[in-house]
């Protein structure tokens, strides 16, 4: 691989949180993000390997190394001994069938990265009969968030397609480096801003209950550390259109309204009137950072305080304004803030940052290779860092919902029950507001008691 002229740097705020868990649990694939594709025809393995080589060469973070304890952790670019493509790509012998190929990928998907010795990305390719392949890209989240994964696959596909058209790849200059984002965070101006933002967050979290009491759905299905499961749900098209219409009427985004409704549902379940939900923030506040591959995404809290007669509109507007205000104060070391605020009891279930309600931002189209027939397949490592993660894909008229849950707190059955109960609650709210709109001209003044 080409040397990317990378620099040595301390870890960013976002990376520090991951690094601590990584060194505490070196044998667990807690941060393996897998992208699995079944290529049914037309795949040119040589083109894929060449394209992958170019992408990794241009983005030095994908071949970085990491070392040091929590206090002195560092990341550094490729050494003078350049990485070989064999360090990134593993081509297996032909599998007998799709099941055997999938078993190989499943086994490989949970192999932990040794970040001090090897690069934080690999591609596993398993050929099958009739020129079919399973292709799995595994990347450690310390160098790549979901936004960056979208950029990665766009670039990888574009280089592959050039080769497919018998065109030569003209390698542009090295891409803007994520390691420079780390240096930007350490600049005096950014450090001063982080101090100001710290005061904002300490005031925002003052006195909040740092965990939820979701005992109604608790069901231990696996007691192993970090064990987790996933569930895929959908929101009916008619329901989603009504939520969008109501959000437009309230002058908020559909996502902020969904989050408010979910918080109101949890308030009904727990009878707690002051708590936080967390959400992934893109955090790309450095100029020209939209096209940089790296870990920018971080979890931020939204606080919900329910009064005796809290109207849905008031709660949704407050949540929407919080999302806007939070984005202006996201440059900070949230781990230090949480400790100082006294909300860092990680041993308690459903604590701060353990219940996440987010939306998918930049769409990841995965591999888009010319002259191929590709299907993306789900693959999950069986591990999770949160107790409950709900991610909405609001890019379609019938949104998909990805749910990841801790097996110490939920089972497949209780997660299904929880989501069904939320959908029933949501429908009851929409019905309530339809009745109001039919009987009262000024619907905005009518409180919805949550």
Protein backbone atom coordinates (compact mmCIF):
# COMPACT_ATOMS: atom_id res chain seq x y z
CA UNK A 1 0.00 0.00 0.00
CA UNK A 2 1.13 3.55 -0.60
CA UNK A 3 2.27 5.49 2.41
CA UNK A 4 -0.40 8.08 3.13
CA UNK A 5 1.95 10.59 4.75
CA UNK A 6 -0.16 10.39 7.85
CA UNK A 7 0.64 12.15 11.09
CA UNK A 8 0.71 10.97 14.67
CA UNK A 9 -2.05 12.37 16.82
CA UNK A 10 -3.95 11.91 20.04
CA UNK A 11 -7.39 10.36 19.75
CA UNK A 12 -10.48 12.49 19.29
CA UNK A 13 -13.16 12.73 21.98
CA UNK A 14 -15.24 10.21 20.05
CA UNK A 15 -12.38 7.74 19.65
CA UNK A 16 -11.43 7.88 23.32
CA UNK A 17 -14.78 6.41 24.37
CA UNK A 18 -14.30 3.49 21.97
CA UNK A 19 -10.63 2.97 22.81
CA UNK A 20 -11.38 2.58 26.52
CA UNK A 21 -13.92 -0.18 25.89
CA UNK A 22 -11.65 -1.78 23.30
CA UNK A 23 -8.65 -2.14 25.61
CA UNK A 24 -10.89 -3.28 28.49
CA UNK A 25 -12.41 -6.01 26.29
CA UNK A 26 -9.70 -6.96 23.76
CA UNK A 27 -11.23 -10.33 22.94
CA UNK A 28 -14.70 -9.03 22.03
CA UNK A 29 -15.73 -7.64 18.61
CA UNK A 30 -17.76 -4.83 20.19
CA UNK A 31 -16.97 -2.35 17.43
CA UNK A 32 -16.94 -4.58 14.34
CA UNK A 33 -19.23 -3.07 11.71
CA UNK A 34 -20.04 -5.59 8.98
CA UNK A 35 -21.37 -4.96 5.47
CA UNK A 36 -22.26 -8.23 3.74
CA UNK A 37 -23.16 -8.58 0.06
CA UNK A 38 -24.30 -11.58 -1.97
CA UNK A 39 -22.96 -10.96 -5.48
CA UNK A 40 -25.01 -13.27 -7.67
CA UNK A 41 -23.37 -12.55 -11.02
CA UNK A 42 -20.81 -10.42 -12.84
CA UNK A 43 -18.30 -9.95 -10.00
CA UNK A 44 -14.68 -9.28 -11.00
CA UNK A 45 -12.57 -10.03 -7.95
CA UNK A 46 -9.42 -8.41 -9.38
CA UNK A 47 -11.25 -5.14 -10.03
CA UNK A 48 -12.61 -5.18 -6.49
CA UNK A 49 -9.17 -5.72 -4.95
CA UNK A 50 -7.61 -2.96 -7.06
CA UNK A 51 -10.40 -0.53 -6.17
CA UNK A 52 -10.09 -1.38 -2.48
CA UNK A 53 -6.34 -0.81 -2.63
CA UNK A 54 -6.86 2.70 -4.01
CA UNK A 55 -9.48 3.67 -1.41
CA UNK A 56 -7.34 2.50 1.50
CA UNK A 57 -4.29 4.25 0.03
CA UNK A 58 -6.16 7.56 -0.21
CA UNK A 59 -7.61 7.41 3.30
CA UNK A 60 -4.81 6.91 5.77
CA UNK A 61 -7.15 6.33 8.70
CA UNK A 62 -8.11 2.97 7.20
CA UNK A 63 -4.54 1.74 7.71
CA UNK A 64 -3.83 3.52 10.99
CA UNK A 65 -2.54 1.84 14.13
CA UNK A 66 -3.53 2.62 17.71
CA UNK A 67 -1.64 2.32 20.96
CA UNK A 68 -1.25 3.54 24.52
CA UNK A 69 -3.41 3.55 27.62
CA UNK A 70 -6.52 5.68 27.99
CA UNK A 71 -4.64 8.75 29.14
CA UNK A 72 -1.93 8.60 26.46
CA UNK A 73 -3.65 6.86 23.55
CA UNK A 74 -2.33 7.73 20.10
CA UNK A 75 -3.12 6.96 16.48
CA UNK A 76 -0.52 6.92 13.77
CA UNK A 77 -0.40 6.31 10.05
CA UNK A 78 1.19 3.48 8.05
CA UNK A 79 4.75 2.65 8.95
CA UNK A 80 7.62 2.70 6.50
CA UNK A 81 6.97 -1.01 6.04
CA UNK A 82 3.94 -0.64 3.82
CA UNK A 83 0.88 -2.81 4.29
CA UNK A 84 0.29 -5.47 1.67
CA UNK A 85 -3.10 -5.95 0.08
CA UNK A 86 -3.11 -9.43 1.65
CA UNK A 87 -3.33 -7.67 5.02
CA UNK A 88 -6.77 -6.39 4.00
CA UNK A 89 -8.26 -9.00 1.65
CA UNK A 90 -8.90 -12.66 2.45
CA UNK A 91 -9.95 -14.84 -0.49
CA UNK A 92 -11.29 -18.17 0.73
CA UNK A 93 -11.61 -21.44 -1.14
CA UNK A 94 -14.91 -22.08 -2.87
CA UNK A 95 -17.75 -22.91 -0.51
CA UNK A 96 -20.10 -25.77 -1.28
CA UNK A 97 -23.22 -23.65 -0.93
CA UNK A 98 -24.58 -20.36 0.41
CA UNK A 99 -24.96 -21.74 3.93
CA UNK A 100 -21.30 -22.75 4.17
CA UNK A 101 -20.22 -19.40 2.74
CA UNK A 102 -22.42 -17.56 5.24
CA UNK A 103 -21.01 -19.64 8.11
CA UNK A 104 -17.48 -18.60 7.08
CA UNK A 105 -18.49 -14.94 6.98
CA UNK A 106 -20.27 -15.22 10.32
CA UNK A 107 -17.14 -16.69 11.88
CA UNK A 108 -14.95 -13.95 10.41
CA UNK A 109 -17.35 -11.14 11.34
CA UNK A 110 -16.65 -11.63 15.05
CA UNK A 111 -12.84 -11.80 14.86
CA UNK A 112 -11.59 -8.83 16.93
CA UNK A 113 -9.18 -6.31 15.45
CA UNK A 114 -5.71 -5.97 16.98
CA UNK A 115 -5.50 -2.24 16.46
CA UNK A 116 -1.90 -1.92 17.61
CA UNK A 117 -0.66 -4.41 15.02
CA UNK A 118 -3.06 -4.51 12.08
CA UNK A 119 -5.26 -2.20 10.08
CA UNK A 120 -8.86 -1.65 11.23
CA UNK A 121 -10.48 -2.91 8.02
CA UNK A 122 -10.65 -6.20 6.14
CA UNK A 123 -12.54 -7.72 3.23
CA UNK A 124 -13.53 -11.39 3.20
CA UNK A 125 -14.45 -12.92 -0.16
CA UNK A 126 -16.00 -16.39 -0.36
CA UNK A 127 -16.58 -17.77 -3.89
CA UNK A 128 -19.40 -20.22 -4.60
CA UNK A 129 -20.60 -22.18 -7.60
CA UNK A 130 -21.98 -20.40 -10.68
CA UNK A 131 -19.67 -17.39 -10.19
CA UNK A 132 -21.47 -16.24 -7.05
CA UNK A 133 -19.65 -14.62 -4.13
CA UNK A 134 -20.22 -13.48 -0.59
CA UNK A 135 -18.26 -10.29 0.07
CA UNK A 136 -18.06 -8.92 3.60
CA UNK A 137 -16.35 -5.66 4.57
CA UNK A 138 -15.57 -5.46 8.29
CA UNK A 139 -14.35 -2.17 9.70
CA UNK A 140 -13.65 -1.09 13.26
CA UNK A 141 -15.87 1.80 14.30
CA UNK A 142 -12.91 3.72 15.71
CA UNK A 143 -12.08 4.75 12.12
CA UNK A 144 -15.47 4.73 10.40
CA UNK A 145 -18.99 5.82 11.32
CA UNK A 146 -22.14 5.23 9.24
CA UNK A 147 -21.71 8.47 7.29
CA UNK A 148 -18.13 7.49 6.45
CA UNK A 149 -19.22 4.00 5.41
CA UNK A 150 -21.49 5.61 2.82
CA UNK A 151 -18.54 7.64 1.48
CA UNK A 152 -16.36 4.52 1.47
CA UNK A 153 -18.76 2.44 -0.62
CA UNK A 154 -19.42 5.29 -3.05
CA UNK A 155 -15.70 5.67 -3.71
CA UNK A 156 -15.04 1.92 -3.83
CA UNK A 157 -17.87 1.42 -6.33
CA UNK A 158 -16.73 4.31 -8.52
CA UNK A 159 -13.20 2.90 -8.86
CA UNK A 160 -14.51 -0.61 -9.55
CA UNK A 161 -16.83 0.75 -12.24
CA UNK A 162 -13.97 2.61 -13.94
CA UNK A 163 -12.04 -0.65 -14.18
CA UNK A 164 -15.16 -2.41 -15.43
CA UNK A 165 -15.33 0.15 -18.26
CA UNK A 166 -11.66 -0.52 -19.09
CA UNK A 167 -10.70 2.95 -17.90
CA UNK A 168 -7.56 3.70 -15.97
CA UNK A 169 -7.89 4.92 -12.41
CA UNK A 170 -6.28 8.31 -11.99
CA UNK A 171 -5.49 8.48 -8.30
CA UNK A 172 -6.22 11.90 -6.89
CA UNK A 173 -4.24 13.39 -4.05
CA UNK A 174 -4.67 11.79 -0.67
CA UNK A 175 -8.06 12.59 0.79
CA UNK A 176 -8.47 15.00 3.67
CA UNK A 177 -7.24 13.21 6.77
CA UNK A 178 -9.26 12.36 9.84
CA UNK A 179 -6.14 12.68 11.93
CA UNK A 180 -6.19 16.38 11.14
CA UNK A 181 -9.64 16.53 12.74
CA UNK A 182 -7.98 15.34 15.93
CA UNK A 183 -5.47 18.18 15.73
CA UNK A 184 -8.27 20.65 14.99
CA UNK A 185 -10.03 19.61 18.20
CA UNK A 186 -6.86 20.41 20.15
CA UNK A 187 -6.51 23.95 18.78
CA UNK A 188 -6.89 26.67 21.39
CA UNK A 189 -10.00 28.12 19.77
CA UNK A 190 -11.73 24.74 19.83
CA UNK A 191 -10.58 24.05 23.39
CA UNK A 192 -12.11 27.34 24.53
CA UNK A 193 -15.34 26.44 22.78
CA UNK A 194 -15.32 23.02 24.44
CA UNK A 195 -15.05 24.70 27.86
CA UNK A 196 -18.05 26.90 27.08
CA UNK A 197 -20.00 23.92 25.80
CA UNK A 198 -19.20 22.00 28.97
CA UNK A 199 -21.09 24.59 31.01
CA UNK A 200 -24.07 24.23 28.66
CA UNK A 201 -24.18 20.46 29.15
CA UNK A 202 -23.66 20.54 32.91
CA UNK A 203 -26.63 22.88 33.19
CA UNK A 204 -28.65 20.77 30.75
CA UNK A 205 -28.10 17.55 32.73
CA UNK A 206 -28.37 19.02 36.21
CA UNK A 207 -30.68 16.89 38.36
CA UNK A 208 -31.77 14.53 35.57
CA UNK A 209 -32.64 10.93 36.40
CA UNK A 210 -29.82 9.06 34.67
CA UNK A 211 -31.67 5.80 34.04
CA UNK A 212 -35.08 4.45 33.09
CA UNK A 213 -37.13 1.80 34.88
CA UNK A 214 -38.25 -0.40 31.98
CA UNK A 215 -39.00 -3.43 34.13
CA UNK A 216 -42.30 -4.10 32.33
CA UNK A 217 -40.40 -5.51 29.34
CA UNK A 218 -37.40 -6.99 31.13
CA UNK A 219 -36.58 -10.56 30.15
CA UNK A 220 -33.13 -12.09 30.55
CA UNK A 221 -32.32 -14.13 27.44
CA UNK A 222 -28.50 -14.23 27.71
CA UNK A 223 -26.30 -13.19 30.62
CA UNK A 224 -23.01 -13.04 28.69
CA UNK A 225 -21.31 -9.61 28.73
CA UNK A 226 -22.47 -7.32 25.91
CA UNK A 227 -24.64 -10.04 24.36
CA UNK A 228 -27.33 -8.60 22.15
CA UNK A 229 -29.91 -9.23 19.47
CA UNK A 230 -31.53 -7.36 16.62
CA UNK A 231 -35.04 -6.95 15.25
CA UNK A 232 -36.24 -5.30 12.04
CA UNK A 233 -39.65 -3.62 12.10
CA UNK A 234 -41.57 -1.25 9.84
CA UNK A 235 -43.93 1.67 10.28
CA UNK A 236 -47.07 1.50 8.15
CA UNK A 237 -47.22 3.96 5.27
CA UNK A 238 -50.51 5.47 6.45
CA UNK A 239 -49.20 5.91 9.99
CA UNK A 240 -46.01 7.55 8.75
CA UNK A 241 -47.91 9.95 6.49
CA UNK A 242 -50.04 11.05 9.45
CA UNK A 243 -46.96 11.61 11.61
CA UNK A 244 -45.36 13.67 8.82
CA UNK A 245 -48.52 15.75 8.43
CA UNK A 246 -48.70 16.40 12.17
CA UNK A 247 -44.99 17.29 12.27
CA UNK A 248 -45.51 19.79 9.46
CA UNK A 249 -48.46 21.29 11.35
CA UNK A 250 -46.28 21.66 14.46
CA UNK A 251 -43.35 23.06 12.41
CA UNK A 252 -40.99 20.31 13.59
CA UNK A 253 -39.25 17.44 11.81
CA UNK A 254 -40.88 13.99 11.64
CA UNK A 255 -37.88 12.58 13.50
CA UNK A 256 -38.23 14.97 16.45
CA UNK A 257 -41.95 14.11 16.63
CA UNK A 258 -41.23 10.37 16.57
CA UNK A 259 -38.68 10.86 19.35
CA UNK A 260 -41.18 12.84 21.42
CA UNK A 261 -43.83 10.17 20.94
CA UNK A 262 -41.37 7.46 21.99
CA UNK A 263 -40.44 9.47 25.08
CA UNK A 264 -44.13 9.90 25.92
CA UNK A 265 -44.60 6.15 25.52
CA UNK A 266 -41.70 5.48 27.90
CA UNK A 267 -43.18 7.96 30.37
CA UNK A 268 -46.39 5.94 30.29
CA UNK A 269 -44.40 2.75 30.90
CA UNK A 270 -42.15 4.04 33.68
CA UNK A 271 -44.13 6.93 35.23
CA UNK A 272 -40.85 8.86 35.22
CA UNK A 273 -41.32 12.52 34.35
CA UNK A 274 -37.71 13.63 33.82
CA UNK A 275 -35.27 11.53 31.80
CA UNK A 276 -33.05 11.55 28.72
CA UNK A 277 -33.02 9.72 25.44
CA UNK A 278 -29.81 9.68 23.44
CA UNK A 279 -29.35 10.06 19.71
CA UNK A 280 -26.43 9.86 17.25
CA UNK A 281 -25.20 13.29 16.16
CA UNK A 282 -23.18 13.55 12.93
CA UNK A 283 -20.81 16.02 14.67
CA UNK A 284 -19.12 17.16 11.45
CA UNK A 285 -18.48 20.67 12.69
CA UNK A 286 -14.97 21.09 11.30
CA UNK A 287 -15.02 23.00 7.99
CA UNK A 288 -14.98 20.69 4.94
CA UNK A 289 -15.38 17.57 7.07
CA UNK A 290 -18.38 16.18 5.17
CA UNK A 291 -16.14 14.16 2.84
CA UNK A 292 -13.67 12.85 5.44
CA UNK A 293 -13.71 9.18 6.41
CA UNK A 294 -13.49 8.70 10.15
CA UNK A 295 -15.37 8.55 13.43
CA UNK A 296 -17.32 11.76 13.92
CA UNK A 297 -20.67 10.46 15.19
CA UNK A 298 -21.30 10.75 18.91
CA UNK A 299 -24.23 10.23 21.24
CA UNK A 300 -25.92 13.31 22.68
CA UNK A 301 -28.81 13.44 25.16
CA UNK A 302 -32.24 15.01 24.74
CA UNK A 303 -33.99 15.71 28.01
CA UNK A 304 -37.74 15.24 28.38
CA UNK A 305 -39.60 16.79 31.31
CA UNK A 306 -43.30 15.98 31.54
CA UNK A 307 -45.67 18.23 33.44
CA UNK A 308 -49.19 17.63 34.67
CA UNK A 309 -50.64 18.72 31.33
CA UNK A 310 -47.92 18.51 28.72
CA UNK A 311 -49.23 19.04 25.22
CA UNK A 312 -47.72 17.01 22.43
CA UNK A 313 -46.97 20.15 20.45
CA UNK A 314 -45.10 21.74 23.36
CA UNK A 315 -43.05 18.61 23.93
CA UNK A 316 -42.24 18.18 20.23
CA UNK A 317 -41.19 21.83 19.86
CA UNK A 318 -38.99 21.57 22.92
CA UNK A 319 -37.34 18.39 21.59
CA UNK A 320 -36.81 20.00 18.18
CA UNK A 321 -35.22 23.08 19.75
CA UNK A 322 -33.03 20.86 21.93
CA UNK A 323 -31.75 19.04 18.86
CA UNK A 324 -30.83 22.37 17.28
CA UNK A 325 -29.21 23.75 20.44
CA UNK A 326 -27.29 20.54 21.06
CA UNK A 327 -25.79 20.60 17.58
CA UNK A 328 -24.27 24.00 18.38
CA UNK A 329 -22.65 22.63 21.54
CA UNK A 330 -21.48 19.18 20.41
CA UNK A 331 -17.76 20.00 20.58
CA UNK A 332 -16.95 18.67 24.05
CA UNK A 333 -15.68 15.68 25.99
CA UNK A 334 -19.04 14.20 26.92
CA UNK A 335 -17.50 11.45 29.07
CA UNK A 336 -15.98 14.06 31.41
CA UNK A 337 -19.25 15.99 31.50
CA UNK A 338 -21.29 12.92 32.41
CA UNK A 339 -18.89 12.05 35.23
CA UNK A 340 -18.98 15.59 36.60
CA UNK A 341 -22.78 15.64 36.34
CA UNK A 342 -22.93 12.41 38.37
CA UNK A 343 -24.77 10.51 35.64
CA UNK A 344 -22.14 7.90 34.79
CA UNK A 345 -23.38 4.84 36.68
CA UNK A 346 -22.63 2.39 33.88
CA UNK A 347 -23.69 -0.62 35.96
CA UNK A 348 -27.34 0.42 36.11
CA UNK A 349 -29.55 -0.71 33.23
CA UNK A 350 -31.06 1.86 30.87
CA UNK A 351 -28.67 4.56 32.03
CA UNK A 352 -27.64 7.68 30.15
CA UNK A 353 -26.59 6.81 26.57
CA UNK A 354 -27.96 3.27 27.02
CA UNK A 355 -31.36 4.07 25.45
CA UNK A 356 -30.83 5.48 21.96
CA UNK A 357 -33.45 6.73 19.52
CA UNK A 358 -31.93 7.90 16.25
CA UNK A 359 -32.45 8.24 12.55
CA UNK A 360 -30.33 7.15 9.61
CA UNK A 361 -28.76 10.25 8.07
CA UNK A 362 -26.73 9.83 4.91
CA UNK A 363 -28.02 6.85 2.93
CA UNK A 364 -25.54 4.03 2.45
CA UNK A 365 -26.24 2.32 -0.88
CA UNK A 366 -23.50 -0.25 -0.32
CA UNK A 367 -21.76 -1.83 -3.29
CA UNK A 368 -23.11 -0.44 -6.56
CA UNK A 369 -21.03 -2.32 -9.12
CA UNK A 370 -21.71 -2.28 -12.84
CA UNK A 371 -22.88 -5.46 -14.57
CA UNK A 372 -23.52 -7.24 -11.28
CA UNK A 373 -26.55 -8.51 -9.41
CA UNK A 374 -26.06 -7.74 -5.72
CA UNK A 375 -28.16 -8.28 -2.63
CA UNK A 376 -27.12 -6.86 0.73
CA UNK A 377 -27.59 -9.31 3.60
CA UNK A 378 -27.88 -8.68 7.33
CA UNK A 379 -25.09 -9.83 9.62
CA UNK A 380 -24.88 -9.17 13.34
CA UNK A 381 -22.04 -10.04 15.68
CA UNK A 382 -24.34 -10.87 18.60
CA UNK A 383 -22.90 -8.03 20.70
CA UNK A 384 -24.18 -4.59 21.67
CA UNK A 385 -22.93 -1.63 23.72
CA UNK A 386 -26.39 -0.22 24.46
CA UNK A 387 -29.43 -1.55 26.27
CA UNK A 388 -31.90 -0.39 23.62
CA UNK A 389 -31.11 1.17 20.24
CA UNK A 390 -33.89 2.22 17.85
CA UNK A 391 -32.88 3.61 14.45
CA UNK A 392 -35.46 4.95 11.99
CA UNK A 393 -34.89 5.00 8.24
CA UNK A 394 -37.18 7.85 7.22
CA UNK A 395 -36.04 7.95 3.60
CA UNK A 396 -38.97 5.84 2.38
CA UNK A 397 -42.75 6.18 2.65
CA UNK A 398 -42.83 3.00 4.76
CA UNK A 399 -39.92 3.50 7.17
CA UNK A 400 -37.81 0.57 8.26
CA UNK A 401 -36.84 0.37 11.93
CA UNK A 402 -33.64 -1.28 13.14
CA UNK A 403 -33.69 -2.30 16.80
CA UNK A 404 -30.65 -3.57 18.71
CA UNK A 405 -31.11 -4.70 22.29
CA UNK A 406 -29.22 -6.11 25.24
CA UNK A 407 -29.97 -9.77 25.89
CA UNK A 408 -29.55 -9.06 29.60
CA UNK A 409 -32.67 -6.91 29.50
CA UNK A 410 -34.80 -8.14 26.60
CA UNK A 411 -35.70 -11.16 24.54
CA UNK A 412 -36.99 -11.28 20.97
CA UNK A 413 -40.49 -11.68 22.39
CA UNK A 414 -40.37 -8.69 24.75
CA UNK A 415 -38.83 -6.44 22.09
CA UNK A 416 -41.66 -7.36 19.72
CA UNK A 417 -44.16 -6.61 22.48
CA UNK A 418 -42.51 -3.28 23.27
CA UNK A 419 -42.62 -2.18 19.63
CA UNK A 420 -46.22 -3.31 19.20
CA UNK A 421 -47.20 -1.39 22.32
CA UNK A 422 -45.45 1.72 21.01
CA UNK A 423 -47.27 1.43 17.68
CA UNK A 424 -50.60 1.11 19.51
CA UNK A 425 -49.72 4.14 21.62
CA UNK A 426 -48.76 6.11 18.50
CA UNK A 427 -52.04 5.20 16.79
CA UNK A 428 -54.00 6.28 19.87
CA UNK A 429 -52.25 9.66 19.82
CA UNK A 430 -53.00 10.14 16.12
CA UNK A 431 -56.64 9.16 16.67
CA UNK A 432 -56.84 11.60 19.58
CA UNK A 433 -55.61 14.45 17.41
CA UNK A 434 -57.93 13.53 14.55
CA UNK A 435 -60.87 13.79 16.95
CA UNK A 436 -59.62 17.16 18.19
CA UNK A 437 -59.21 18.50 14.67
CA UNK A 438 -62.77 17.45 13.84
CA UNK A 439 -64.27 19.17 16.88
CA UNK A 440 -62.03 22.11 17.74
CA UNK A 441 -60.92 24.81 15.34
CA UNK A 442 -57.82 25.81 17.30
CA UNK A 443 -56.25 22.39 17.81
CA UNK A 444 -52.91 23.85 18.87
CA UNK A 445 -54.33 25.12 22.16
CA UNK A 446 -55.66 21.73 23.25
CA UNK A 447 -53.34 19.83 25.56
CA UNK A 448 -52.67 16.16 25.03
CA UNK A 449 -52.16 14.64 28.45
CA UNK A 450 -49.23 12.25 28.36
